[in-house]
Amino acid sequence: MTTTASSAPAVKRSIRILEPIRQDGQGAIRITKGNVVEDYKVQTFEAYAGNATGVTLTKKDGTTYDICLSTDPSETTCSCPGATYHKKGGACKHILVLQLLARMERLPLPRPQEGEDSDLVEADCLVGC
């Protein structure tokens, strides 16, 4: 008997910037996955002496997730349950969305120190967040 792995149907995912992230580090985003829509207030701050950007995402119900976006993507972390689940094979939707926003220059990230790798994990919001 032979078994084959079947892939789950693709779930439509998107991100919308509700309030651009201002100089004070505050803004708002919406993450949609299928029929689930979640709005987050965004607060950014410098972390680890400028080698990382800290981000707190707060949902309407008060749930908060703390994300550390490091200049070294392997050291990027999120406090959400999905980050623990994805630890072995990738990043949670919060990390992927924030990395995508950084790549779009909509989220400030620290500049890597001389000699550090500046590549972020590619994040296609319609595929992995």
Protein backbone atom coordinates (compact mmCIF):
# COMPACT_ATOMS: atom_id res chain seq x y z
CA MET A 1 0.00 0.00 0.00
CA THR A 2 1.39 3.37 -1.01
CA THR A 3 0.47 6.62 0.69
CA THR A 4 0.99 10.03 -0.73
CA ALA A 5 1.14 13.31 1.07
CA SER A 6 -1.66 15.64 0.12
CA SER A 7 -1.24 19.34 0.47
CA ALA A 8 -3.95 21.40 2.08
CA PRO A 9 -5.75 23.86 -0.16
CA ALA A 10 -4.20 27.31 -0.16
CA VAL A 11 -5.71 29.76 2.30
CA LYS A 12 -5.95 33.35 1.11
CA ARG A 13 -3.83 35.59 3.30
CA SER A 14 -3.32 39.32 3.17
CA ILE A 15 -2.05 42.29 5.10
CA ARG A 16 -3.37 45.83 5.12
CA ILE A 17 -1.73 48.83 6.72
CA LEU A 18 -4.52 50.56 8.63
CA GLU A 19 -2.32 53.33 10.07
CA PRO A 20 1.22 53.85 8.74
CA ILE A 21 3.88 53.41 11.39
CA ARG A 22 4.74 56.92 12.53
CA GLN A 23 7.96 58.43 13.91
CA ASP A 24 6.81 57.51 17.43
CA GLY A 25 6.72 53.84 16.36
CA GLN A 26 2.94 53.50 16.49
CA GLY A 27 0.61 52.31 13.75
CA ALA A 28 -1.94 49.61 12.94
CA ILE A 29 -2.18 46.61 10.60
CA ARG A 30 -4.78 44.02 9.63
CA ILE A 31 -3.85 40.40 8.94
CA THR A 32 -6.45 38.30 7.11
CA LYS A 33 -6.19 34.52 6.84
CA GLY A 34 -9.16 32.95 5.10
CA ASN A 35 -12.22 34.32 6.89
CA VAL A 36 -10.28 35.33 10.00
CA VAL A 37 -9.51 39.04 10.22
CA GLU A 38 -7.29 40.33 13.02
CA ASP A 39 -6.45 43.99 13.62
CA TYR A 40 -3.32 44.88 15.57
CA LYS A 41 -1.98 48.08 17.07
CA VAL A 42 1.75 48.26 16.37
CA GLN A 43 4.38 49.71 18.70
CA THR A 44 8.03 49.56 17.66
CA PHE A 45 11.11 50.30 19.74
CA GLU A 46 14.86 49.85 19.54
CA ALA A 47 16.17 46.68 21.18
CA TYR A 48 19.55 45.17 21.98
CA ALA A 49 21.50 48.41 21.62
CA GLY A 50 20.16 49.02 18.12
CA ASN A 51 20.86 45.51 16.79
CA ALA A 52 17.16 44.63 16.76
CA THR A 53 13.75 46.20 16.50
CA GLY A 54 11.24 45.30 19.17
CA VAL A 55 7.60 45.23 18.11
CA THR A 56 4.54 44.78 20.28
CA LEU A 57 1.38 43.78 18.42
CA THR A 58 -1.85 44.23 20.39
CA LYS A 59 -5.16 42.71 19.28
CA LYS A 60 -8.52 44.35 20.02
CA ASP A 61 -9.15 41.82 22.82
CA GLY A 62 -5.94 42.94 24.56
CA THR A 63 -3.81 39.94 23.56
CA THR A 64 -0.24 41.07 22.94
CA TYR A 65 2.62 39.46 21.08
CA ASP A 66 6.21 40.61 21.52
CA ILE A 67 8.44 40.26 18.47
CA CYS A 68 12.19 40.83 18.24
CA LEU A 69 13.31 41.45 14.65
CA SER A 70 17.06 40.96 14.71
CA THR A 71 19.62 41.87 12.08
CA ASP A 72 20.23 38.09 12.16
CA PRO A 73 16.94 36.47 11.02
CA SER A 74 17.80 33.25 12.91
CA GLU A 75 17.58 35.27 16.15
CA THR A 76 14.18 36.78 15.32
CA THR A 77 11.51 35.69 17.83
CA CYS A 78 7.79 36.06 18.57
CA SER A 79 5.88 35.25 21.76
CA CYS A 80 2.81 33.86 19.96
CA PRO A 81 1.88 30.15 20.07
CA GLY A 82 2.41 29.92 16.29
CA ALA A 83 6.08 30.85 16.67
CA THR A 84 6.59 27.80 18.88
CA TYR A 85 4.75 25.60 16.38
CA HIS A 86 6.73 26.93 13.39
CA LYS A 87 10.09 26.97 15.20
CA LYS A 88 11.41 23.96 13.28
CA GLY A 89 10.30 24.93 9.79
CA GLY A 90 9.78 28.65 9.56
CA ALA A 91 8.36 31.75 11.14
CA CYS A 92 4.90 32.67 12.44
CA LYS A 93 2.59 35.02 10.55
CA HIS A 94 3.58 37.97 12.75
CA ILE A 95 7.28 37.64 11.93
CA LEU A 96 6.59 37.09 8.23
CA VAL A 97 4.30 40.12 8.04
CA LEU A 98 6.76 42.38 9.88
CA GLN A 99 9.64 41.20 7.70
CA LEU A 100 7.52 41.92 4.63
CA LEU A 101 6.72 45.42 5.94
CA ALA A 102 10.42 46.00 6.60
CA ARG A 103 11.27 44.90 3.06
CA MET A 104 8.65 47.34 1.76
CA GLU A 105 10.32 50.02 3.91
CA ARG A 106 7.15 50.43 5.95
CA LEU A 107 8.76 49.25 9.19
CA PRO A 108 12.11 50.57 10.42
CA LEU A 109 14.72 47.91 11.08
CA PRO A 110 18.22 48.31 12.44
CA ARG A 111 21.04 48.33 9.91
CA PRO A 112 23.33 45.29 10.20
CA GLN A 113 26.76 45.99 11.62
CA GLU A 114 29.68 45.92 9.19
CA GLY A 115 30.21 42.38 7.91
CA GLU A 116 26.82 41.02 9.01
CA ASP A 117 24.43 39.35 6.59
CA SER A 118 21.66 41.81 5.73
CA ASP A 119 19.27 39.33 4.07
CA LEU A 120 15.84 38.94 5.65
CA VAL A 121 13.74 35.85 5.24
CA GLU A 122 11.62 36.26 2.12
CA ALA A 123 8.00 36.66 3.14
CA ASP A 124 5.27 36.37 0.57
CA CYS A 125 2.15 37.31 2.46
CA LEU A 126 -0.08 35.26 0.20
CA VAL A 127 1.95 32.12 0.89
CA GLY A 128 3.30 32.00 4.39
CA CYS A 129 1.90 34.49 6.87
